[in-house]
Amino acid sequence: MLPRALRIVPYLTPEEVEAMARACQGRHLLRDELLILTLFQTGLRISEALSITTRRIGSHAATPC
């Protein structure tokens, strides 16, 4: 058996991610949906996604890609 660090991690399919986003409920429905979709579509780690602020987004608005 491979050491834990070398095991292949199964990824979610786009359909599974959509199902997770649709399953969001409650007061923060939109926030939770957007966070799930952002993580999936960008490949950000949760800590990276949670560190995004409007100030940080605004500071990169004029930065060329």
C-alpha atoms as a PDB file:
ATOM      1  CA  MET A   1       0.000   0.000   0.000  1.00  0.00           C
ATOM      2  CA  LEU A   2       1.261   3.497  -0.852  1.00  0.00           C
ATOM      3  CA  PRO A   3       2.044   5.955   1.932  1.00  0.00           C
ATOM      4  CA  ARG A   4      -0.790   8.377   2.529  1.00  0.00           C
ATOM      5  CA  ALA A   5       1.133  11.275   0.940  1.00  0.00           C
ATOM      6  CA  LEU A   6       1.447   9.357  -2.356  1.00  0.00           C
ATOM      7  CA  ARG A   7      -2.149   8.190  -2.725  1.00  0.00           C
ATOM      8  CA  ILE A   8      -4.164   9.579  -5.605  1.00  0.00           C
ATOM      9  CA  VAL A   9      -6.902  11.876  -4.403  1.00  0.00           C
ATOM     10  CA  PRO A  10     -10.214  11.391  -6.230  1.00  0.00           C
ATOM     11  CA  TYR A  11     -11.500  14.633  -7.689  1.00  0.00           C
ATOM     12  CA  LEU A  12     -15.088  15.798  -7.829  1.00  0.00           C
ATOM     13  CA  THR A  13     -16.798  15.804 -11.186  1.00  0.00           C
ATOM     14  CA  PRO A  14     -18.445  19.001 -12.432  1.00  0.00           C
ATOM     15  CA  GLU A  15     -21.808  17.353 -11.763  1.00  0.00           C
ATOM     16  CA  GLU A  16     -20.861  16.639  -8.148  1.00  0.00           C
ATOM     17  CA  VAL A  17     -19.744  20.233  -7.647  1.00  0.00           C
ATOM     18  CA  GLU A  18     -23.009  21.538  -9.109  1.00  0.00           C
ATOM     19  CA  ALA A  19     -24.950  19.219  -6.783  1.00  0.00           C
ATOM     20  CA  MET A  20     -22.993  20.574  -3.798  1.00  0.00           C
ATOM     21  CA  ALA A  21     -23.722  24.152  -4.849  1.00  0.00           C
ATOM     22  CA  ARG A  22     -27.436  23.391  -5.317  1.00  0.00           C
ATOM     23  CA  ALA A  23     -27.574  21.757  -1.871  1.00  0.00           C
ATOM     24  CA  CYS A  24     -26.651  25.017  -0.119  1.00  0.00           C
ATOM     25  CA  GLN A  25     -29.396  26.379   2.090  1.00  0.00           C
ATOM     26  CA  GLY A  26     -30.070  29.038   4.633  1.00  0.00           C
ATOM     27  CA  ARG A  27     -29.108  32.608   5.195  1.00  0.00           C
ATOM     28  CA  HIS A  28     -25.764  32.380   3.374  1.00  0.00           C
ATOM     29  CA  LEU A  29     -27.021  30.433   0.357  1.00  0.00           C
ATOM     30  CA  LEU A  30     -25.489  32.687  -2.306  1.00  0.00           C
ATOM     31  CA  ARG A  31     -22.181  33.080  -0.464  1.00  0.00           C
ATOM     32  CA  ASP A  32     -21.812  29.329  -0.014  1.00  0.00           C
ATOM     33  CA  GLU A  33     -22.717  28.576  -3.647  1.00  0.00           C
ATOM     34  CA  LEU A  34     -20.212  31.128  -4.900  1.00  0.00           C
ATOM     35  CA  LEU A  35     -17.466  29.827  -2.618  1.00  0.00           C
ATOM     36  CA  ILE A  36     -17.937  26.238  -3.820  1.00  0.00           C
ATOM     37  CA  LEU A  37     -17.968  27.269  -7.475  1.00  0.00           C
ATOM     38  CA  THR A  38     -14.976  29.606  -7.028  1.00  0.00           C
ATOM     39  CA  LEU A  39     -12.911  26.869  -5.396  1.00  0.00           C
ATOM     40  CA  PHE A  40     -13.744  24.419  -8.157  1.00  0.00           C
ATOM     41  CA  GLN A  41     -13.306  26.767 -11.109  1.00  0.00           C
ATOM     42  CA  THR A  42     -10.085  28.432  -9.941  1.00  0.00           C
ATOM     43  CA  GLY A  43      -8.338  25.673  -8.021  1.00  0.00           C
ATOM     44  CA  LEU A  44      -7.834  27.945  -5.022  1.00  0.00           C
ATOM     45  CA  ARG A  45      -7.208  26.426  -1.622  1.00  0.00           C
ATOM     46  CA  ILE A  46      -9.839  27.295   0.974  1.00  0.00           C
ATOM     47  CA  SER A  47      -7.382  29.519   2.867  1.00  0.00           C
ATOM     48  CA  GLU A  48      -6.606  31.425  -0.348  1.00  0.00           C
ATOM     49  CA  ALA A  49     -10.281  31.895  -1.169  1.00  0.00           C
ATOM     50  CA  LEU A  50     -11.117  33.087   2.345  1.00  0.00           C
ATOM     51  CA  SER A  51      -8.315  35.660   2.244  1.00  0.00           C
ATOM     52  CA  ILE A  52      -9.857  37.427  -0.766  1.00  0.00           C
ATOM     53  CA  THR A  53     -11.255  40.819   0.180  1.00  0.00           C
ATOM     54  CA  THR A  54     -12.799  43.617  -1.858  1.00  0.00           C
ATOM     55  CA  ARG A  55      -9.649  45.652  -1.170  1.00  0.00           C
ATOM     56  CA  ARG A  56      -7.445  42.916  -2.690  1.00  0.00           C
ATOM     57  CA  ILE A  57      -9.709  42.549  -5.723  1.00  0.00           C
ATOM     58  CA  GLY A  58      -9.712  46.293  -6.300  1.00  0.00           C
ATOM     59  CA  SER A  59      -5.918  46.489  -6.092  1.00  0.00           C
ATOM     60  CA  HIS A  60      -5.575  44.034  -8.976  1.00  0.00           C
ATOM     61  CA  ALA A  61      -8.196  45.589 -11.245  1.00  0.00           C
ATOM     62  CA  ALA A  62      -5.667  47.426 -13.437  1.00  0.00           C
ATOM     63  CA  THR A  63      -3.024  44.698 -13.354  1.00  0.00           C
ATOM     64  CA  PRO A  64      -2.556  43.014 -16.731  1.00  0.00           C
ATOM     65  CA  CYS A  65      -2.871  39.218 -16.782  1.00  0.00           C
END
